C-alpha atoms as a PDB file:
ATOM      1  CA  MET A   1     -17.740  11.779  13.558  1.00  0.00           C
ATOM      2  CA  THR A   2     -18.352  13.376  10.274  1.00  0.00           C
ATOM      3  CA  ASP A   3     -17.061  11.980   6.992  1.00  0.00           C
ATOM      4  CA  GLU A   4     -14.728  14.734   6.721  1.00  0.00           C
ATOM      5  CA  SER A   5     -12.443  13.319   9.541  1.00  0.00           C
ATOM      6  CA  LEU A   6     -12.359   9.746   8.404  1.00  0.00           C
ATOM      7  CA  VAL A   7      -8.940  10.304   6.674  1.00  0.00           C
ATOM      8  CA  LEU A   8      -6.355  12.532   7.895  1.00  0.00           C
ATOM      9  CA  SER A   9      -3.061  13.653   6.111  1.00  0.00           C
ATOM     10  CA  THR A  10      -0.041  15.625   6.979  1.00  0.00           C
ATOM     11  CA  ILE A  11       3.040  16.480   4.994  1.00  0.00           C
ATOM     12  CA  ASP A  12       6.577  16.169   6.430  1.00  0.00           C
ATOM     13  CA  GLY A  13       9.018  17.376   3.880  1.00  0.00           C
ATOM     14  CA  ARG A  14       8.651  15.197   0.885  1.00  0.00           C
ATOM     15  CA  VAL A  15       6.740  12.555   2.709  1.00  0.00           C
ATOM     16  CA  ALA A  16       2.870  12.525   3.234  1.00  0.00           C
ATOM     17  CA  ILE A  17       1.409  10.572   6.174  1.00  0.00           C
ATOM     18  CA  VAL A  18      -2.203   9.435   5.627  1.00  0.00           C
ATOM     19  CA  THR A  19      -4.077   8.129   8.647  1.00  0.00           C
ATOM     20  CA  LEU A  20      -7.275   6.174   8.681  1.00  0.00           C
ATOM     21  CA  ASN A  21      -9.412   7.669  11.449  1.00  0.00           C
ATOM     22  CA  ARG A  22     -12.181   5.585  12.495  1.00  0.00           C
ATOM     23  CA  PRO A  23     -10.675   4.377  15.885  1.00  0.00           C
ATOM     24  CA  LYS A  24     -14.066   3.404  17.597  1.00  0.00           C
ATOM     25  CA  ALA A  25     -14.847   1.055  14.545  1.00  0.00           C
ATOM     26  CA  LEU A  26     -11.178  -0.357  14.458  1.00  0.00           C
ATOM     27  CA  ASN A  27     -10.840   1.612  11.153  1.00  0.00           C
ATOM     28  CA  ALA A  28     -13.484  -0.573   9.337  1.00  0.00           C
ATOM     29  CA  LEU A  29     -13.353   0.475   5.711  1.00  0.00           C
ATOM     30  CA  SER A  30     -16.724   2.018   5.104  1.00  0.00           C
ATOM     31  CA  PRO A  31     -17.593   3.262   1.610  1.00  0.00           C
ATOM     32  CA  ALA A  32     -17.280   6.891   2.934  1.00  0.00           C
ATOM     33  CA  LEU A  33     -13.772   6.218   4.262  1.00  0.00           C
ATOM     34  CA  ILE A  34     -12.608   4.675   0.961  1.00  0.00           C
ATOM     35  CA  GLU A  35     -13.932   7.528  -0.985  1.00  0.00           C
ATOM     36  CA  GLN A  36     -12.012  10.039   1.190  1.00  0.00           C
ATOM     37  CA  LEU A  37      -8.894   7.891   0.973  1.00  0.00           C
ATOM     38  CA  ILE A  38      -9.143   7.802  -2.821  1.00  0.00           C
ATOM     39  CA  ALA A  39      -9.571  11.625  -2.887  1.00  0.00           C
ATOM     40  CA  THR A  40      -6.707  12.214  -0.375  1.00  0.00           C
ATOM     41  CA  LEU A  41      -4.316  10.057  -2.463  1.00  0.00           C
ATOM     42  CA  ALA A  42      -5.304  11.836  -5.673  1.00  0.00           C
ATOM     43  CA  GLN A  43      -4.570  15.151  -4.031  1.00  0.00           C
ATOM     44  CA  LEU A  44      -1.229  13.979  -2.859  1.00  0.00           C
ATOM     45  CA  GLU A  45      -0.502  12.564  -6.261  1.00  0.00           C
ATOM     46  CA  ALA A  46      -0.931  15.865  -7.749  1.00  0.00           C
ATOM     47  CA  ASN A  47       1.386  17.558  -5.264  1.00  0.00           C
ATOM     48  CA  ASP A  48       4.898  17.635  -6.864  1.00  0.00           C
ATOM     49  CA  SER A  49       6.388  18.196  -3.416  1.00  0.00           C
ATOM     50  CA  VAL A  50       5.200  14.814  -2.060  1.00  0.00           C
ATOM     51  CA  ARG A  51       7.434  11.984  -3.327  1.00  0.00           C
ATOM     52  CA  CYS A  52       6.391   9.132  -1.080  1.00  0.00           C
ATOM     53  CA  ILE A  53       3.388   8.352   1.037  1.00  0.00           C
ATOM     54  CA  VAL A  54       2.898   6.433   4.377  1.00  0.00           C
ATOM     55  CA  LEU A  55      -0.388   4.899   4.923  1.00  0.00           C
ATOM     56  CA  THR A  56      -1.388   4.084   8.670  1.00  0.00           C
ATOM     57  CA  GLY A  57      -4.053   3.498  11.109  1.00  0.00           C
ATOM     58  CA  ASN A  58      -3.329   3.486  14.927  1.00  0.00           C
ATOM     59  CA  GLU A  59      -1.574   1.237  17.249  1.00  0.00           C
ATOM     60  CA  ARG A  60      -4.591  -0.884  17.860  1.00  0.00           C
ATOM     61  CA  SER A  61      -5.772  -1.326  14.317  1.00  0.00           C
ATOM     62  CA  PHE A  62      -4.682  -0.713  10.924  1.00  0.00           C
ATOM     63  CA  ALA A  63      -7.985  -1.601   9.507  1.00  0.00           C
ATOM     64  CA  ALA A  64     -10.151  -4.429  10.787  1.00  0.00           C
ATOM     65  CA  GLY A  65     -11.797  -5.050   7.518  1.00  0.00           C
ATOM     66  CA  ALA A  66     -14.624  -3.770   5.330  1.00  0.00           C
ATOM     67  CA  ASP A  67     -17.670  -2.357   6.861  1.00  0.00           C
ATOM     68  CA  ILE A  68     -20.076  -5.384   7.015  1.00  0.00           C
ATOM     69  CA  LYS A  69     -23.070  -3.391   8.039  1.00  0.00           C
ATOM     70  CA  ALA A  70     -22.911  -1.628   4.619  1.00  0.00           C
ATOM     71  CA  MET A  71     -22.990  -4.973   2.612  1.00  0.00           C
ATOM     72  CA  VAL A  72     -25.140  -7.499   4.783  1.00  0.00           C
ATOM     73  CA  ASP A  73     -28.397  -6.975   2.827  1.00  0.00           C
ATOM     74  CA  ALA A  74     -27.005  -6.009  -0.661  1.00  0.00           C
ATOM     75  CA  THR A  75     -27.931  -7.919  -3.747  1.00  0.00           C
ATOM     76  CA  PRO A  76     -25.322  -8.823  -6.443  1.00  0.00           C
ATOM     77  CA  MET A  77     -26.618  -6.033  -8.909  1.00  0.00           C
ATOM     78  CA  GLU A  78     -26.520  -3.520  -6.038  1.00  0.00           C
ATOM     79  CA  MET A  79     -22.816  -4.316  -5.381  1.00  0.00           C
ATOM     80  CA  TYR A  80     -22.105  -4.260  -9.073  1.00  0.00           C
ATOM     81  CA  ARG A  81     -23.814  -0.928  -9.676  1.00  0.00           C
ATOM     82  CA  ASP A  82     -22.539   0.628  -6.606  1.00  0.00           C
ATOM     83  CA  GLY A  83     -18.924  -0.376  -7.523  1.00  0.00           C
ATOM     84  CA  ALA A  84     -17.843   0.165  -3.863  1.00  0.00           C
ATOM     85  CA  ILE A  85     -15.210  -2.629  -4.078  1.00  0.00           C
ATOM     86  CA  SER A  86     -14.129  -2.128  -7.625  1.00  0.00           C
ATOM     87  CA  ARG A  87     -13.334   1.624  -6.815  1.00  0.00           C
ATOM     88  CA  TRP A  88     -10.563   0.353  -4.355  1.00  0.00           C
ATOM     89  CA  ALA A  89      -8.460  -0.257  -7.561  1.00  0.00           C
ATOM     90  CA  LYS A  90      -7.832   3.466  -7.619  1.00  0.00           C
ATOM     91  CA  ILE A  91      -5.814   3.181  -4.527  1.00  0.00           C
ATOM     92  CA  ALA A  92      -3.320   0.850  -6.120  1.00  0.00           C
ATOM     93  CA  GLN A  93      -3.149   2.887  -9.156  1.00  0.00           C
ATOM     94  CA  CYS A  94      -1.567   5.883  -7.297  1.00  0.00           C
ATOM     95  CA  SER A  95       1.683   6.559  -9.229  1.00  0.00           C
ATOM     96  CA  LYS A  96       3.754   7.451  -6.016  1.00  0.00           C
ATOM     97  CA  PRO A  97       5.141   4.830  -3.665  1.00  0.00           C
ATOM     98  CA  ILE A  98       2.962   3.907  -0.737  1.00  0.00           C
ATOM     99  CA  ILE A  99       4.365   2.349   2.540  1.00  0.00           C
ATOM    100  CA  ALA A 100       1.822   0.708   4.744  1.00  0.00           C
ATOM    101  CA  ALA A 101       2.615   1.197   8.505  1.00  0.00           C
ATOM    102  CA  VAL A 102       0.663  -1.532  10.136  1.00  0.00           C
ATOM    103  CA  SER A 103      -0.025  -2.110  13.809  1.00  0.00           C
ATOM    104  CA  GLY A 104      -2.751  -4.341  15.301  1.00  0.00           C
ATOM    105  CA  TYR A 105      -5.422  -5.682  13.118  1.00  0.00           C
ATOM    106  CA  ALA A 106      -5.013  -5.901   9.311  1.00  0.00           C
ATOM    107  CA  PHE A 107      -7.956  -8.169   8.497  1.00  0.00           C
ATOM    108  CA  GLY A 108     -10.042  -8.696   5.371  1.00  0.00           C
ATOM    109  CA  GLY A 109     -10.121  -5.286   3.409  1.00  0.00           C
ATOM    110  CA  GLY A 110      -7.391  -4.080   5.805  1.00  0.00           C
ATOM    111  CA  CYS A 111      -5.095  -6.807   4.810  1.00  0.00           C
ATOM    112  CA  GLU A 112      -6.021  -6.298   1.084  1.00  0.00           C
ATOM    113  CA  LEU A 113      -5.393  -2.434   1.622  1.00  0.00           C
ATOM    114  CA  ALA A 114      -2.009  -3.058   3.007  1.00  0.00           C
ATOM    115  CA  MET A 115      -0.936  -5.401   0.171  1.00  0.00           C
ATOM    116  CA  MET A 116      -2.032  -2.683  -2.296  1.00  0.00           C
ATOM    117  CA  CYS A 117       0.871  -0.691  -0.972  1.00  0.00           C
ATOM    118  CA  ASP A 118       4.330  -1.117  -2.218  1.00  0.00           C
ATOM    119  CA  MET A 119       5.940  -2.055   1.126  1.00  0.00           C
ATOM    120  CA  ILE A 120       4.756  -3.098   4.710  1.00  0.00           C
ATOM    121  CA  ILE A 121       6.354  -2.072   7.855  1.00  0.00           C
ATOM    122  CA  ALA A 122       4.670  -3.937  10.767  1.00  0.00           C
ATOM    123  CA  SER A 123       4.585  -3.450  14.572  1.00  0.00           C
ATOM    124  CA  GLU A 124       5.230  -6.367  16.643  1.00  0.00           C
ATOM    125  CA  SER A 125       1.486  -6.484  17.455  1.00  0.00           C
ATOM    126  CA  ALA A 126       0.425  -6.644  13.811  1.00  0.00           C
ATOM    127  CA  GLN A 127      -1.839  -9.356  12.662  1.00  0.00           C
ATOM    128  CA  PHE A 128      -2.812 -10.174   9.072  1.00  0.00           C
ATOM    129  CA  GLY A 129      -5.632 -12.262   7.813  1.00  0.00           C
ATOM    130  CA  GLN A 130      -8.409 -12.822   5.286  1.00  0.00           C
ATOM    131  CA  PRO A 131     -11.305 -14.149   7.248  1.00  0.00           C
ATOM    132  CA  GLU A 132     -14.026 -13.401   4.720  1.00  0.00           C
ATOM    133  CA  ILE A 133     -14.867 -17.237   4.540  1.00  0.00           C
ATOM    134  CA  ASN A 134     -16.154 -16.993   8.247  1.00  0.00           C
ATOM    135  CA  ILE A 135     -19.019 -14.686   7.039  1.00  0.00           C
ATOM    136  CA  GLY A 136     -19.887 -16.602   3.793  1.00  0.00           C
ATOM    137  CA  VAL A 137     -17.882 -14.692   1.141  1.00  0.00           C
ATOM    138  CA  ILE A 138     -14.270 -14.612  -0.162  1.00  0.00           C
ATOM    139  CA  PRO A 139     -11.835 -11.583  -0.433  1.00  0.00           C
ATOM    140  CA  GLY A 140     -13.046  -9.282  -3.231  1.00  0.00           C
ATOM    141  CA  ALA A 141     -10.427  -6.478  -3.146  1.00  0.00           C
ATOM    142  CA  GLY A 142      -7.476  -8.625  -4.321  1.00  0.00           C
ATOM    143  CA  GLY A 143      -6.781 -10.697  -1.333  1.00  0.00           C
ATOM    144  CA  THR A 144      -6.810 -14.059  -3.189  1.00  0.00           C
ATOM    145  CA  GLN A 145      -4.400 -12.809  -5.830  1.00  0.00           C
ATOM    146  CA  ARG A 146      -1.994 -10.550  -4.033  1.00  0.00           C
ATOM    147  CA  LEU A 147      -1.668 -12.851  -0.884  1.00  0.00           C
ATOM    148  CA  THR A 148      -0.949 -15.816  -3.093  1.00  0.00           C
ATOM    149  CA  ARG A 149       1.810 -13.696  -4.924  1.00  0.00           C
ATOM    150  CA  ALA A 150       3.321 -12.573  -1.626  1.00  0.00           C
ATOM    151  CA  ILE A 151       3.390 -15.815   0.453  1.00  0.00           C
ATOM    152  CA  GLY A 152       2.652 -18.594  -2.125  1.00  0.00           C
ATOM    153  CA  PRO A 153      -0.295 -20.684  -3.004  1.00  0.00           C
ATOM    154  CA  TYR A 154      -0.320 -23.164  -0.173  1.00  0.00           C
ATOM    155  CA  ARG A 155      -0.083 -20.727   2.678  1.00  0.00           C
ATOM    156  CA  ALA A 156      -2.656 -18.402   0.964  1.00  0.00           C
ATOM    157  CA  MET A 157      -4.893 -21.344   0.403  1.00  0.00           C
ATOM    158  CA  GLU A 158      -4.774 -22.238   3.980  1.00  0.00           C
ATOM    159  CA  MET A 159      -5.351 -18.732   5.420  1.00  0.00           C
ATOM    160  CA  ILE A 160      -8.309 -17.933   2.966  1.00  0.00           C
ATOM    161  CA  LEU A 161     -10.013 -21.364   3.369  1.00  0.00           C
ATOM    162  CA  THR A 162      -9.827 -21.441   7.240  1.00  0.00           C
ATOM    163  CA  GLY A 163      -9.922 -17.638   7.940  1.00  0.00           C
ATOM    164  CA  SER A 164      -6.980 -18.030  10.081  1.00  0.00           C
ATOM    165  CA  THR A 165      -4.679 -15.108  10.964  1.00  0.00           C
ATOM    166  CA  ILE A 166      -0.750 -14.683  11.014  1.00  0.00           C
ATOM    167  CA  SER A 167       1.264 -12.832  13.391  1.00  0.00           C
ATOM    168  CA  ALA A 168       3.778 -10.074  12.478  1.00  0.00           C
ATOM    169  CA  GLN A 169       6.687 -12.583  12.742  1.00  0.00           C
ATOM    170  CA  GLU A 170       4.848 -15.166  10.480  1.00  0.00           C
ATOM    171  CA  ALA A 171       4.273 -12.343   7.962  1.00  0.00           C
ATOM    172  CA  PHE A 172       7.776 -11.434   7.931  1.00  0.00           C
ATOM    173  CA  ASP A 173       8.907 -15.077   7.632  1.00  0.00           C
ATOM    174  CA  TYR A 174       6.529 -15.558   4.706  1.00  0.00           C
ATOM    175  CA  GLY A 175       7.743 -12.438   2.919  1.00  0.00           C
ATOM    176  CA  LEU A 176       4.571 -10.398   3.334  1.00  0.00           C
ATOM    177  CA  VAL A 177       6.108  -7.564   5.366  1.00  0.00           C
ATOM    178  CA  ASN A 178       9.541  -5.700   4.955  1.00  0.00           C
ATOM    179  CA  ARG A 179      10.423  -5.480   8.611  1.00  0.00           C
ATOM    180  CA  ILE A 180       9.023  -5.593  12.140  1.00  0.00           C
ATOM    181  CA  CYS A 181       9.449  -2.816  14.601  1.00  0.00           C
ATOM    182  CA  PRO A 182       8.493  -2.119  18.290  1.00  0.00           C
ATOM    183  CA  VAL A 183       4.925  -0.708  18.525  1.00  0.00           C
ATOM    184  CA  GLU A 184       6.287   2.664  19.736  1.00  0.00           C
ATOM    185  CA  SER A 185       8.480   3.066  16.658  1.00  0.00           C
ATOM    186  CA  TYR A 186       6.900   1.334  13.762  1.00  0.00           C
ATOM    187  CA  LEU A 187       5.512   4.532  12.225  1.00  0.00           C
ATOM    188  CA  THR A 188       8.713   6.452  12.755  1.00  0.00           C
ATOM    189  CA  GLU A 189      10.445   3.635  10.906  1.00  0.00           C
ATOM    190  CA  ALA A 190       8.018   3.765   8.083  1.00  0.00           C
ATOM    191  CA  VAL A 191       8.535   7.493   7.593  1.00  0.00           C
ATOM    192  CA  LYS A 192      12.275   7.179   7.648  1.00  0.00           C
ATOM    193  CA  LEU A 193      12.068   4.493   4.790  1.00  0.00           C
ATOM    194  CA  ALA A 194       9.718   6.975   2.858  1.00  0.00           C
ATOM    195  CA  ALA A 195      12.051   9.835   3.430  1.00  0.00           C
ATOM    196  CA  ARG A 196      15.017   7.719   2.129  1.00  0.00           C
ATOM    197  CA  ILE A 197      12.982   6.877  -1.006  1.00  0.00           C
ATOM    198  CA  ALA A 198      11.881  10.588  -1.474  1.00  0.00           C
ATOM    199  CA  GLU A 199      15.442  11.399  -1.753  1.00  0.00           C
ATOM    200  CA  GLN A 200      15.837   9.356  -4.861  1.00  0.00           C
ATOM    201  CA  PRO A 201      15.108  10.685  -8.351  1.00  0.00           C
ATOM    202  CA  PRO A 202      11.281  10.765  -8.633  1.00  0.00           C
ATOM    203  CA  LEU A 203      10.923   9.651 -12.244  1.00  0.00           C
ATOM    204  CA  ALA A 204      13.449   6.810 -11.751  1.00  0.00           C
ATOM    205  CA  VAL A 205      11.489   5.624  -8.563  1.00  0.00           C
ATOM    206  CA  GLN A 206       8.267   5.715 -10.555  1.00  0.00           C
ATOM    207  CA  LEU A 207       9.491   3.723 -13.548  1.00  0.00           C
ATOM    208  CA  ALA A 208      11.412   1.229 -11.312  1.00  0.00           C
ATOM    209  CA  ARG A 209       8.225   0.718  -9.237  1.00  0.00           C
ATOM    210  CA  GLU A 210       6.326   0.081 -12.444  1.00  0.00           C
ATOM    211  CA  ALA A 211       8.834  -2.581 -13.420  1.00  0.00           C
ATOM    212  CA  VAL A 212       8.752  -4.343 -10.204  1.00  0.00           C
ATOM    213  CA  ARG A 213       4.976  -4.456 -10.169  1.00  0.00           C
ATOM    214  CA  ALA A 214       5.062  -5.838 -13.481  1.00  0.00           C
ATOM    215  CA  ALA A 215       7.052  -8.801 -12.331  1.00  0.00           C
ATOM    216  CA  ALA A 216       3.940 -10.078 -10.522  1.00  0.00           C
ATOM    217  CA  GLU A 217       1.431  -9.294 -13.291  1.00  0.00           C
ATOM    218  CA  ARG A 218       3.260 -10.139 -16.504  1.00  0.00           C
ATOM    219  CA  THR A 219       5.227 -12.860 -18.152  1.00  0.00           C
ATOM    220  CA  LEU A 220       9.121 -12.759 -17.741  1.00  0.00           C
ATOM    221  CA  ARG A 221       9.471 -11.777 -21.412  1.00  0.00           C
ATOM    222  CA  GLU A 222       6.892  -8.844 -20.971  1.00  0.00           C
ATOM    223  CA  GLY A 223       8.577  -7.722 -17.727  1.00  0.00           C
ATOM    224  CA  LEU A 224      11.967  -7.669 -19.269  1.00  0.00           C
ATOM    225  CA  GLU A 225      10.751  -5.673 -22.074  1.00  0.00           C
ATOM    226  CA  LEU A 226       9.189  -3.094 -19.699  1.00  0.00           C
ATOM    227  CA  GLU A 227      12.251  -2.968 -17.638  1.00  0.00           C
ATOM    228  CA  LEU A 228      14.443  -2.122 -20.546  1.00  0.00           C
ATOM    229  CA  ARG A 229      12.140   0.347 -21.926  1.00  0.00           C
ATOM    230  CA  ASN A 230      12.059   2.278 -18.633  1.00  0.00           C
ATOM    231  CA  PHE A 231      15.800   2.002 -18.523  1.00  0.00           C
ATOM    232  CA  TYR A 232      16.191   3.712 -21.741  1.00  0.00           C
ATOM    233  CA  LEU A 233      13.593   6.397 -21.015  1.00  0.00           C
ATOM    234  CA  LEU A 234      15.465   7.547 -17.864  1.00  0.00           C
ATOM    235  CA  PHE A 235      18.251   8.651 -20.208  1.00  0.00           C
ATOM    236  CA  ASP A 236      16.042  11.479 -21.223  1.00  0.00           C
ATOM    237  CA  THR A 237      15.940  12.942 -17.770  1.00  0.00           C
ATOM    238  CA  ALA A 238      18.029  15.561 -16.060  1.00  0.00           C
ATOM    239  CA  ASP A 239      18.218  13.450 -12.952  1.00  0.00           C
ATOM    240  CA  GLN A 240      19.990  10.693 -14.856  1.00  0.00           C
ATOM    241  CA  LYS A 241      22.574  13.248 -16.033  1.00  0.00           C
ATOM    242  CA  GLU A 242      22.970  14.751 -12.636  1.00  0.00           C
ATOM    243  CA  GLY A 243      23.059  11.272 -10.852  1.00  0.00           C
ATOM    244  CA  MET A 244      25.815   9.955 -13.027  1.00  0.00           C
ATOM    245  CA  ARG A 245      27.989  13.265 -13.063  1.00  0.00           C
ATOM    246  CA  ALA A 246      27.544  13.392  -9.274  1.00  0.00           C
ATOM    247  CA  PHE A 247      28.854   9.770  -9.161  1.00  0.00           C
ATOM    248  CA  ILE A 248      31.943  10.573 -11.380  1.00  0.00           C
ATOM    249  CA  GLU A 249      32.591  13.904  -9.287  1.00  0.00           C
ATOM    250  CA  LYS A 250      32.201  12.095  -6.105  1.00  0.00           C
ATOM    251  CA  ARG A 251      29.445  14.355  -4.603  1.00  0.00           C
ATOM    252  CA  LYS A 252      25.952  14.043  -3.572  1.00  0.00           C
ATOM    253  CA  PRO A 253      23.460  14.420  -6.352  1.00  0.00           C
ATOM    254  CA  ASN A 254      20.699  17.106  -6.310  1.00  0.00           C
ATOM    255  CA  PHE A 255      17.583  15.386  -7.916  1.00  0.00           C
ATOM    256  CA  THR A 256      14.928  17.690  -9.223  1.00  0.00           C
ATOM    257  CA  GLY A 257      12.485  15.391 -10.658  1.00  0.00           C
ATOM    258  CA  GLU A 258      13.110  16.473 -14.268  1.00  0.00           C
END
């Protein structure tokens, strides 16, 4: 398999579907795959017709972790200079909403990648975990921070210190995933959710997403200030005028992204 096929993408209306494509390696996140994923998301971010993105793997595995073979003999300075893990931050910085459609394994880097997304739709077979402790390291792409914020410090501590995994039902109960679907329909449901979001005014979606994310990263005072700023900014958009007029006139709004 060539590097060119490690990530596939299709566009369905206003929704882009991005598929990790290393099935024989359970979609292990090699440096080459991550680079192509970053490039693919950048292209979709620049495409004004795309308003929401679904990131998925296959029914057997979303992503079974980072590519250990690429790191086993690395030194600290080699890891630092290469920046292979730090570059993952570009995925989370995409300005458009991303929904992870997860089936099968989401371990290590795969779990971290799913948590970089804004929502997670899981199939009944999905499993989540940060098993890095079993190979002598810890999560390095946000696992200790995002998992703790998602499910709380005590559950996160147990998972990270033991390397244990949780089922789709446990992930739902803990608040890590939005919903659970049958294996045969999890991707369809993720695309439906993305299409619903894509119908909304894109500038409002972007600023609302920014404010929600700030709740996990800033103090309450800072988050409230950002929310109010973004609220005011949207009164300078055509979509705000269209949305409110459509509400008063009892018709469906036509949002243009302006």
